[in-house]
Amino acid sequence: MEKNTAPKYTLSTDEFATRNRVKAQTVRARLCNTGSYFGVRPLKLANGRTAWPDVQVQK
C-alpha cells in the first residue's frame, strides 16, 4: 500500500512566512508576481484565503 506523502495544507500565510523566516508580505508579493513562493503553491480556499503546506523552502 502507498502512503500519502502529500503535505497537508494547514498553515496560514503568516505561519508559513514565520516558518520560512521571512515577512508575510514577502510571501504574498512573490505569490502575486509568480504564482508560487519558490515553487510552493498554496490552496485557495472558498473564503478567499490561502492555505500553505507545512514545508520549509530550500535553496
N, C-alpha and C. Protein backbone atom coordinates (compact mmCIF):
# COMPACT_ATOMS: atom_id res chain seq x y z
N MET A 1 0.83 -1.19 0.00
CA MET A 1 0.00 0.00 0.00
C MET A 1 0.88 1.25 0.00
N GLU A 2 0.44 2.25 -0.74
CA GLU A 2 1.15 3.51 -0.78
C GLU A 2 0.66 4.42 0.32
N LYS A 3 1.62 5.09 0.95
CA LYS A 3 1.25 6.08 1.94
C LYS A 3 1.11 7.43 1.26
N ASN A 4 0.20 8.23 1.73
CA ASN A 4 0.01 9.55 1.19
C ASN A 4 1.13 10.45 1.70
N THR A 5 2.04 10.84 0.81
CA THR A 5 3.17 11.67 1.21
C THR A 5 2.96 13.14 0.88
N ALA A 6 1.79 13.48 0.37
CA ALA A 6 1.50 14.88 0.06
C ALA A 6 1.40 15.69 1.35
N PRO A 7 1.98 16.89 1.36
CA PRO A 7 1.91 17.71 2.57
C PRO A 7 0.49 18.18 2.85
N LYS A 8 0.19 18.36 4.10
CA LYS A 8 -1.12 18.87 4.49
C LYS A 8 -1.09 20.39 4.46
N TYR A 9 -2.13 20.97 3.92
CA TYR A 9 -2.21 22.42 3.79
C TYR A 9 -2.93 22.98 5.02
N THR A 10 -2.16 23.28 6.05
CA THR A 10 -2.74 23.70 7.32
C THR A 10 -2.28 25.07 7.79
N LEU A 11 -1.31 25.69 7.12
CA LEU A 11 -0.74 26.94 7.61
C LEU A 11 -1.36 28.15 6.92
N SER A 12 -1.51 29.21 7.69
CA SER A 12 -1.90 30.49 7.11
C SER A 12 -0.65 31.12 6.47
N THR A 13 -0.83 32.21 5.76
CA THR A 13 0.31 32.88 5.15
C THR A 13 1.28 33.37 6.21
N ASP A 14 0.76 33.91 7.31
CA ASP A 14 1.62 34.39 8.40
C ASP A 14 2.44 33.24 9.01
N GLU A 15 1.81 32.11 9.25
CA GLU A 15 2.50 30.96 9.82
C GLU A 15 3.55 30.40 8.85
N PHE A 16 3.21 30.34 7.56
CA PHE A 16 4.14 29.87 6.55
C PHE A 16 5.35 30.79 6.48
N ALA A 17 5.12 32.09 6.51
CA ALA A 17 6.21 33.06 6.47
C ALA A 17 7.12 32.93 7.69
N THR A 18 6.54 32.77 8.86
CA THR A 18 7.33 32.61 10.07
C THR A 18 8.18 31.36 10.00
N ARG A 19 7.62 30.27 9.52
CA ARG A 19 8.36 29.01 9.40
C ARG A 19 9.54 29.15 8.43
N ASN A 20 9.38 30.01 7.42
CA ASN A 20 10.44 30.20 6.42
C ASN A 20 11.29 31.43 6.69
N ARG A 21 11.08 32.05 7.83
CA ARG A 21 11.88 33.18 8.31
C ARG A 21 11.88 34.37 7.35
N VAL A 22 10.70 34.70 6.85
CA VAL A 22 10.52 35.88 6.00
C VAL A 22 9.26 36.60 6.47
N LYS A 23 9.07 37.81 5.97
CA LYS A 23 7.85 38.54 6.29
C LYS A 23 6.70 37.99 5.47
N ALA A 24 5.50 38.05 6.02
CA ALA A 24 4.31 37.56 5.33
C ALA A 24 4.09 38.32 4.03
N GLN A 25 4.39 39.62 4.01
CA GLN A 25 4.21 40.40 2.80
C GLN A 25 5.13 39.93 1.68
N THR A 26 6.31 39.41 2.03
CA THR A 26 7.22 38.86 1.03
C THR A 26 6.59 37.65 0.34
N VAL A 27 5.94 36.80 1.13
CA VAL A 27 5.27 35.62 0.58
C VAL A 27 4.11 36.06 -0.31
N ARG A 28 3.33 37.01 0.15
CA ARG A 28 2.19 37.49 -0.63
C ARG A 28 2.64 38.13 -1.95
N ALA A 29 3.70 38.93 -1.90
CA ALA A 29 4.20 39.60 -3.10
C ALA A 29 4.71 38.58 -4.11
N ARG A 30 5.47 37.61 -3.64
CA ARG A 30 6.02 36.59 -4.55
C ARG A 30 4.88 35.76 -5.16
N LEU A 31 3.88 35.44 -4.35
CA LEU A 31 2.72 34.69 -4.86
C LEU A 31 2.00 35.49 -5.94
N CYS A 32 1.84 36.77 -5.72
CA CYS A 32 1.16 37.63 -6.68
C CYS A 32 1.95 37.75 -7.99
N ASN A 33 3.26 37.87 -7.88
CA ASN A 33 4.11 38.08 -9.06
C ASN A 33 4.39 36.81 -9.85
N THR A 34 4.55 35.68 -9.17
CA THR A 34 4.97 34.45 -9.86
C THR A 34 3.98 33.30 -9.76
N GLY A 35 3.00 33.40 -8.86
CA GLY A 35 2.03 32.32 -8.70
C GLY A 35 2.45 31.26 -7.71
N SER A 36 3.63 31.44 -7.10
CA SER A 36 4.10 30.49 -6.09
C SER A 36 5.16 31.18 -5.23
N TYR A 37 5.54 30.54 -4.15
CA TYR A 37 6.66 31.03 -3.36
C TYR A 37 7.79 30.03 -3.53
N PHE A 38 8.67 30.31 -4.49
CA PHE A 38 9.79 29.44 -4.83
C PHE A 38 9.34 28.00 -5.06
N GLY A 39 8.29 27.85 -5.85
CA GLY A 39 7.79 26.54 -6.23
C GLY A 39 6.72 25.96 -5.33
N VAL A 40 6.46 26.58 -4.20
CA VAL A 40 5.42 26.10 -3.28
C VAL A 40 4.15 26.86 -3.57
N ARG A 41 3.10 26.14 -3.93
CA ARG A 41 1.82 26.77 -4.26
C ARG A 41 0.80 26.47 -3.16
N PRO A 42 0.06 27.50 -2.74
CA PRO A 42 -0.95 27.29 -1.71
C PRO A 42 -2.26 26.80 -2.31
N LEU A 43 -3.13 26.31 -1.45
CA LEU A 43 -4.50 26.01 -1.85
C LEU A 43 -5.31 27.28 -1.67
N LYS A 44 -6.16 27.58 -2.62
CA LYS A 44 -7.06 28.72 -2.48
C LYS A 44 -8.36 28.20 -1.91
N LEU A 45 -8.72 28.70 -0.74
CA LEU A 45 -9.92 28.25 -0.05
C LEU A 45 -11.15 29.00 -0.55
N ALA A 46 -12.31 28.46 -0.27
CA ALA A 46 -13.57 29.05 -0.73
C ALA A 46 -13.80 30.44 -0.14
N ASN A 47 -13.24 30.71 1.03
CA ASN A 47 -13.44 32.02 1.65
C ASN A 47 -12.44 33.07 1.17
N GLY A 48 -11.62 32.72 0.17
CA GLY A 48 -10.68 33.69 -0.40
C GLY A 48 -9.30 33.66 0.22
N ARG A 49 -9.12 32.91 1.26
CA ARG A 49 -7.82 32.81 1.92
C ARG A 49 -6.99 31.71 1.26
N THR A 50 -5.73 31.66 1.65
CA THR A 50 -4.85 30.62 1.14
C THR A 50 -4.38 29.74 2.28
N ALA A 51 -4.19 28.47 2.00
CA ALA A 51 -3.66 27.52 2.98
C ALA A 51 -2.35 26.97 2.41
N TRP A 52 -1.31 27.04 3.21
CA TRP A 52 0.03 26.63 2.77
C TRP A 52 0.40 25.29 3.39
N PRO A 53 1.23 24.51 2.70
CA PRO A 53 1.70 23.25 3.27
C PRO A 53 2.74 23.52 4.34
N ASP A 54 2.91 22.58 5.23
CA ASP A 54 3.87 22.70 6.33
C ASP A 54 5.25 22.26 5.83
N VAL A 55 5.88 23.11 5.01
CA VAL A 55 7.20 22.82 4.47
C VAL A 55 8.10 24.04 4.60
N GLN A 56 9.39 23.79 4.57
CA GLN A 56 10.35 24.87 4.54
C GLN A 56 10.99 24.88 3.15
N VAL A 57 11.10 26.06 2.58
CA VAL A 57 11.67 26.22 1.25
C VAL A 57 13.19 26.04 1.35
N GLN A 58 13.76 25.23 0.46
CA GLN A 58 15.20 25.01 0.42
C GLN A 58 15.81 25.82 -0.70
N LYS A 59 17.05 26.20 -0.52
CA LYS A 59 17.77 26.95 -1.57
C LYS A 59 18.05 26.05 -2.74
